[in-house]
Protein backbone atom coordinates (compact mmCIF):
# COMPACT_ATOMS: atom_id res chain seq x y z
CA UNK A 1 0.24 0.32 -0.53
CA UNK A 2 2.84 2.11 0.93
CA UNK A 3 4.90 1.57 -2.36
CA UNK A 4 1.25 2.27 -4.64
CA UNK A 5 0.52 5.71 -2.61
CA UNK A 6 4.20 6.65 -3.55
CA UNK A 7 4.22 5.62 -6.86
CA UNK A 8 0.99 7.30 -7.72
CA UNK A 9 3.00 10.99 -5.94
CA UNK A 10 5.23 10.42 -7.82
CA UNK A 11 4.19 9.48 -11.26
CA UNK A 12 1.34 11.55 -11.61
CA UNK A 13 3.29 15.07 -10.25
CA UNK A 14 2.96 16.11 -13.53
CA UNK A 15 -0.43 16.14 -15.91
CA UNK A 16 2.09 15.15 -18.82
CA UNK A 17 3.49 11.73 -16.79
CA UNK A 18 0.26 11.33 -14.95
CA UNK A 19 -1.45 10.50 -19.24
CA UNK A 20 1.99 8.34 -19.67
CA UNK A 21 1.38 6.23 -16.76
CA UNK A 22 -2.40 5.80 -17.00
CA UNK A 23 -1.87 4.49 -20.40
CA UNK A 24 0.63 2.20 -19.27
CA UNK A 25 -1.44 0.88 -15.73
CA UNK A 26 -4.73 0.46 -17.99
CA UNK A 27 -3.02 -1.90 -20.68
CA UNK A 28 -0.75 -4.05 -18.32
CA UNK A 29 -3.65 -3.89 -15.37
CA UNK A 30 -6.98 -3.52 -16.34
CA UNK A 31 -6.83 -5.05 -20.95
CA UNK A 32 -8.73 -8.07 -20.69
CA UNK A 33 -6.30 -9.29 -22.71
CA UNK A 34 -3.25 -8.50 -21.04
CA UNK A 35 -1.15 -11.31 -19.25
CA UNK A 36 -0.04 -9.20 -16.66
CA UNK A 37 -3.70 -7.88 -15.58
CA UNK A 38 -3.62 -7.47 -11.85
CA UNK A 39 -6.70 -6.65 -10.60
CA UNK A 40 -5.80 -6.54 -7.06
CA UNK A 41 -2.41 -4.37 -7.44
CA UNK A 42 -5.12 -2.10 -9.83
CA UNK A 43 -6.83 -1.02 -7.22
CA UNK A 44 -3.90 -0.21 -4.72
CA UNK A 45 -3.22 1.91 -7.67
CA UNK A 46 -7.16 2.84 -8.20
CA UNK A 47 -7.70 3.32 -4.30
CA UNK A 48 -4.78 6.39 -3.82
CA UNK A 49 -5.83 7.87 -7.64
CA UNK A 50 -9.64 8.43 -7.10
CA UNK A 51 -8.16 9.34 -3.19
CA UNK A 52 -8.87 12.96 -2.20
CA UNK A 53 -5.09 14.18 -1.79
CA UNK A 54 -4.20 12.61 -5.25
CA UNK A 55 -2.22 14.92 -7.21
CA UNK A 56 -5.03 14.39 -10.45
CA UNK A 57 -8.20 16.29 -11.46
CA UNK A 58 -11.91 16.15 -9.61
CA UNK A 59 -12.83 14.49 -13.58
CA UNK A 60 -10.19 11.85 -12.72
CA UNK A 61 -10.91 11.41 -9.56
CA UNK A 62 -14.27 10.17 -10.09
CA UNK A 63 -13.20 7.70 -13.36
CA UNK A 64 -10.39 5.84 -10.98
CA UNK A 65 -13.65 5.98 -8.71
CA UNK A 66 -15.55 3.83 -10.70
CA UNK A 67 -13.19 2.08 -12.55
CA UNK A 68 -12.33 1.23 -8.38
CA UNK A 69 -15.74 -0.21 -8.01
CA UNK A 70 -15.59 -2.72 -10.88
CA UNK A 71 -12.27 -4.21 -10.76
CA UNK A 72 -13.71 -4.70 -6.71
CA UNK A 73 -16.22 -7.19 -8.20
CA UNK A 74 -16.40 -10.13 -7.08
CA UNK A 75 -12.35 -10.12 -6.23
CA UNK A 76 -10.17 -13.24 -6.30
CA UNK A 77 -10.90 -15.06 -2.47
CA UNK A 78 -14.19 -13.01 -2.15
CA UNK A 79 -17.56 -14.82 -2.09
CA UNK A 80 -19.51 -14.75 -5.57
CA UNK A 81 -22.93 -12.42 -5.82
CA UNK A 82 -25.82 -13.85 -5.25
CA UNK A 83 -28.57 -13.28 -8.03
CA UNK A 84 -31.55 -14.94 -9.73
CA UNK A 85 -31.64 -16.20 -12.69
CA UNK A 86 -33.83 -18.79 -14.55
CA UNK A 87 -32.26 -22.33 -15.77
CA UNK A 88 -32.33 -23.99 -19.45
CA UNK A 89 -35.08 -26.13 -18.15
CA UNK A 90 -37.26 -22.95 -17.49
CA UNK A 91 -36.68 -23.55 -13.51
CA UNK A 92 -35.86 -20.14 -11.31
CA UNK A 93 -32.81 -20.79 -9.55
CA UNK A 94 -30.16 -19.11 -7.41
CA UNK A 95 -26.26 -19.06 -7.85
CA UNK A 96 -25.88 -19.75 -4.28
CA UNK A 97 -28.29 -22.60 -4.16
CA UNK A 98 -26.14 -24.81 -6.76
CA UNK A 99 -24.62 -27.17 -5.54
CA UNK A 100 -21.49 -28.76 -7.03
CA UNK A 101 -17.41 -28.56 -6.69
CA UNK A 102 -16.88 -26.11 -9.61
CA UNK A 103 -19.72 -23.57 -10.45
CA UNK A 104 -18.37 -21.84 -13.84
CA UNK A 105 -19.94 -18.76 -14.62
CA UNK A 106 -20.06 -17.61 -18.46
CA UNK A 107 -20.96 -13.91 -19.34
CA UNK A 108 -21.97 -14.54 -23.40
CA UNK A 109 -23.51 -12.88 -25.60
CA UNK A 110 -25.33 -15.21 -28.56
CA UNK A 111 -24.65 -12.03 -30.87
CA UNK A 112 -20.53 -12.62 -30.67
CA UNK A 113 -19.05 -14.83 -32.45
CA UNK A 114 -16.14 -15.21 -30.51
CA UNK A 115 -18.48 -16.24 -27.18
CA UNK A 116 -19.66 -18.87 -30.46
CA UNK A 117 -16.17 -19.44 -30.81
CA UNK A 118 -15.08 -20.33 -27.47
CA UNK A 119 -18.33 -22.42 -26.72
CA UNK A 120 -16.78 -24.92 -29.67
CA UNK A 121 -13.83 -25.50 -27.76
CA UNK A 122 -15.52 -26.00 -24.77
CA UNK A 123 -17.06 -28.39 -26.23
CA UNK A 124 -13.87 -30.55 -27.13
CA UNK A 125 -12.73 -29.81 -23.51
CA UNK A 126 -13.10 -32.45 -21.20
CA UNK A 127 -13.07 -30.61 -17.77
CA UNK A 128 -16.13 -28.91 -19.45
CA UNK A 129 -17.70 -32.53 -19.58
CA UNK A 130 -17.12 -33.68 -15.91
CA UNK A 131 -20.01 -33.87 -13.56
CA UNK A 132 -18.04 -32.09 -10.77
CA UNK A 133 -18.23 -28.87 -12.89
CA UNK A 134 -21.39 -26.99 -13.41
CA UNK A 135 -21.97 -24.19 -15.94
CA UNK A 136 -24.07 -21.00 -16.04
CA UNK A 137 -24.28 -18.56 -18.67
CA UNK A 138 -25.60 -15.48 -18.20
CA UNK A 139 -26.29 -12.85 -20.94
CA UNK A 140 -25.61 -9.72 -19.21
CA UNK A 141 -26.57 -7.06 -21.95
CA UNK A 142 -29.95 -7.00 -23.25
CA UNK A 143 -32.53 -7.58 -20.69
CA UNK A 144 -34.93 -8.94 -23.72
CA UNK A 145 -32.92 -11.81 -24.23
CA UNK A 146 -31.89 -12.20 -20.16
CA UNK A 147 -33.09 -15.71 -18.78
CA UNK A 148 -33.52 -14.36 -15.08
CA UNK A 149 -36.21 -13.71 -13.04
CA UNK A 150 -35.94 -10.86 -10.48
CA UNK A 151 -32.97 -9.78 -11.80
CA UNK A 152 -32.35 -7.68 -15.13
CA UNK A 153 -28.89 -6.79 -16.86
CA UNK A 154 -28.74 -3.72 -14.62
CA UNK A 155 -29.14 -5.77 -12.04
CA UNK A 156 -25.83 -8.36 -13.19
CA UNK A 157 -24.53 -5.04 -14.12
CA UNK A 158 -24.40 -4.05 -10.28
CA UNK A 159 -23.15 -7.21 -8.93
CA UNK A 160 -20.50 -8.01 -11.66
CA UNK A 161 -18.22 -6.60 -13.83
CA UNK A 162 -18.26 -7.52 -17.20
CA UNK A 163 -16.62 -5.67 -19.96
CA UNK A 164 -16.30 -7.66 -22.58
CA UNK A 165 -17.80 -11.32 -23.35
CA UNK A 166 -16.81 -14.20 -23.06
CA UNK A 167 -16.22 -13.31 -19.26
CA UNK A 168 -15.93 -16.18 -16.84
CA UNK A 169 -15.81 -16.97 -13.10
CA UNK A 170 -14.64 -20.10 -11.51
CA UNK A 171 -15.95 -20.60 -8.25
CA UNK A 172 -15.65 -23.50 -5.39
CA UNK A 173 -18.11 -25.42 -3.99
CA UNK A 174 -19.47 -22.57 -1.70
CA UNK A 175 -19.18 -19.73 -4.42
CA UNK A 176 -15.96 -18.53 -2.90
CA UNK A 177 -13.96 -16.45 -6.79
CA UNK A 178 -11.04 -18.45 -7.60
CA UNK A 179 -10.65 -17.76 -11.10
CA UNK A 180 -11.57 -14.65 -13.04
CA UNK A 181 -11.27 -13.95 -16.28
């Protein structure tokens, strides 16, 4: 935490440096495709950037607060936010009522070519046919397609940060987040 505070004070000492480091942090720590993506590290930096005494503008501070709110949702090690949904058989379910050693939440969109490709690849992986793994597909963006009961796309968005699809959360038997995206 002290390192994050020191980094923010030095890296954002001038507007030019701040823009440079903001771009680097976004590219390496926040980008979904970065092999260095790390929500915990990024959250430390964002906490200091969103603080009142951070050497940045009020609008940037607000942007960092929103980003912090998003990356803190369902962190690895935390219990995943519960929600209601309708399964493929039309039954109303709750995420926390699923009894399985592992649950894979897949936030997807039926019109997303990448999602379709990933689902096709998953059909050929033995892990996805293991009875210990339950998969829950969630359509987070379009209420007309969202098969949930008591939850809207906005509700899902308030509970989970899904910047792109597909997005994944692997949960243990107690619905604790093991892996994210």
